[in-house]
Amino acid sequence: MINLKLVVFALVIGFGLVSCGNNESNRDALVRKRIIQKIEMDGMGMLKDLKIESVNKLNDSTYKGVHSFSNPIFNKEIRVTRNYTFTADLDSITKKEGVKTEVKSEGEWVETGF
C-alpha cells in the first residue's frame, strides 16, 4: 500500500512540474513568434536570411532580442539588439526600443551608432 501511495505522489508531482515547465516554454514560443512577426513587418520584405540569435527575459513584460539579417540595399549583414515591451498576456508588442545596431565589416561586428 505504501508503494501505491508513493507512485501516486510521484505522478502528481511529476505532472505538476511538467505542466509548469510547459507553460513557460509556450510563453517563450509566443514571445519569439511575436518578435519575429514584428521584425518581418518592420522590414517590409527587405530582410533576407533573418536569424534570431537570442531572446532573453528582462522582466515579466520586457524581453531583449538580438537578430541578424542581410540587407540587399546595403549588401551587408546587420545585427540589431532591441528591447521589446509586451502586453500583460504577451499577445502583442506595445513598444520596441533600439539598443544597438551593428554591421559586419571585415568579418567583425562594428557598432553603427544609429
Protein backbone atom coordinates (compact mmCIF):
# COMPACT_ATOMS: atom_id res chain seq x y z
CA MET A 1 0.00 0.00 0.00
CA ILE A 2 2.85 2.35 0.74
CA ASN A 3 4.27 1.77 -2.75
CA LEU A 4 0.94 2.74 -4.35
CA LYS A 5 0.85 5.99 -2.36
CA LEU A 6 4.44 6.72 -3.35
CA VAL A 7 3.68 6.09 -7.03
CA VAL A 8 0.59 8.33 -6.95
CA PHE A 9 2.56 11.06 -5.15
CA ALA A 10 5.39 10.85 -7.70
CA LEU A 11 2.91 11.05 -10.59
CA VAL A 12 1.18 14.12 -9.11
CA ILE A 13 4.50 15.89 -8.50
CA GLY A 14 5.80 14.91 -11.94
CA PHE A 15 2.65 16.17 -13.65
CA GLY A 16 2.83 19.44 -11.73
CA LEU A 17 6.44 20.04 -12.71
CA VAL A 18 5.84 19.21 -16.37
CA SER A 19 2.78 21.45 -16.52
CA CYS A 20 4.66 24.45 -15.14
CA GLY A 21 7.64 23.95 -17.42
CA ASN A 22 5.43 23.50 -20.48
CA ASN A 23 3.58 26.75 -19.75
CA GLU A 24 6.88 28.66 -19.64
CA SER A 25 8.03 27.16 -22.94
CA ASN A 26 4.67 28.13 -24.51
CA ARG A 27 5.19 31.70 -23.29
CA ASP A 28 8.73 31.72 -24.71
CA ALA A 29 7.47 30.39 -28.04
CA LEU A 30 4.77 33.08 -28.19
CA VAL A 31 7.28 35.85 -27.39
CA ARG A 32 9.68 34.58 -30.05
CA LYS A 33 6.84 34.37 -32.60
CA ARG A 34 5.67 37.95 -31.89
CA ILE A 35 9.24 39.29 -32.13
CA ILE A 36 9.75 37.56 -35.50
CA GLN A 37 6.44 38.97 -36.75
CA LYS A 38 7.43 42.49 -35.62
CA ILE A 39 10.82 42.26 -37.33
CA GLU A 40 9.28 40.99 -40.56
CA MET A 41 6.66 43.76 -40.59
CA ASP A 42 9.27 46.44 -39.84
CA GLY A 43 11.50 45.05 -42.61
CA MET A 44 8.71 45.26 -45.19
CA GLY A 45 10.11 42.37 -47.20
CA MET A 46 13.64 43.78 -47.37
CA LEU A 47 15.23 41.34 -44.90
CA LYS A 48 16.97 38.23 -46.14
CA ASP A 49 18.31 35.35 -44.05
CA LEU A 50 16.68 36.52 -40.78
CA LYS A 51 18.25 34.78 -37.77
CA ILE A 52 17.03 35.20 -34.21
CA GLU A 53 20.26 34.94 -32.23
CA SER A 54 18.76 35.27 -28.76
CA VAL A 55 15.67 36.29 -26.80
CA ASN A 56 16.17 36.94 -23.09
CA LYS A 57 13.55 37.83 -20.50
CA LEU A 58 14.34 41.10 -18.69
CA ASN A 59 11.15 41.18 -16.59
CA ASP A 60 7.53 39.97 -16.83
CA SER A 61 6.73 42.05 -19.91
CA THR A 62 10.09 43.06 -21.41
CA TYR A 63 12.42 40.91 -23.50
CA LYS A 64 15.75 41.66 -25.15
CA GLY A 65 16.05 40.25 -28.66
CA VAL A 66 19.10 40.03 -30.89
CA HIS A 67 18.61 39.28 -34.58
CA SER A 68 20.67 39.48 -37.73
CA PHE A 69 19.80 39.64 -41.40
CA SER A 70 21.19 40.52 -44.80
CA ASN A 71 20.10 43.87 -46.20
CA PRO A 72 20.11 43.75 -50.02
CA ILE A 73 20.15 47.56 -50.33
CA PHE A 74 23.43 47.92 -48.42
CA ASN A 75 24.65 44.44 -49.38
CA LYS A 76 25.73 43.96 -45.76
CA GLU A 77 24.87 41.74 -42.83
CA ILE A 78 23.27 43.68 -39.98
CA ARG A 79 22.70 42.72 -36.33
CA VAL A 80 20.14 44.56 -34.19
CA THR A 81 19.59 44.41 -30.43
CA ARG A 82 16.22 45.67 -29.18
CA ASN A 83 14.12 45.65 -26.03
CA TYR A 84 10.51 44.63 -26.68
CA THR A 85 7.74 45.52 -24.22
CA PHE A 86 4.66 43.27 -24.37
CA THR A 87 1.11 43.44 -23.11
CA ALA A 88 0.47 41.54 -19.85
CA ASP A 89 -0.75 38.46 -21.76
CA LEU A 90 2.31 38.63 -24.10
CA ASP A 91 -0.02 38.71 -27.09
CA SER A 92 1.36 41.87 -28.69
CA ILE A 93 4.29 44.24 -28.56
CA THR A 94 3.45 47.71 -27.23
CA LYS A 95 6.91 49.26 -27.56
CA LYS A 96 10.28 48.48 -29.06
CA GLU A 97 13.49 50.25 -28.14
CA GLY A 98 16.67 50.02 -30.17
CA VAL A 99 19.67 49.18 -28.02
CA LYS A 100 22.38 48.61 -30.61
CA THR A 101 22.82 48.25 -34.37
CA GLU A 102 25.91 46.63 -35.85
CA VAL A 103 27.19 45.98 -39.38
CA LYS A 104 29.54 43.15 -40.26
CA SER A 105 32.71 44.61 -41.75
CA GLU A 106 35.86 42.66 -42.48
CA GLY A 107 34.38 39.69 -40.62
CA GLU A 108 33.72 41.65 -37.39
CA TRP A 109 30.62 43.30 -35.95
CA VAL A 110 31.05 47.09 -35.83
CA GLU A 111 28.56 49.31 -33.96
CA THR A 112 26.97 51.84 -36.30
CA GLY A 113 25.86 54.46 -33.79
CA PHE A 114 22.33 54.74 -35.23
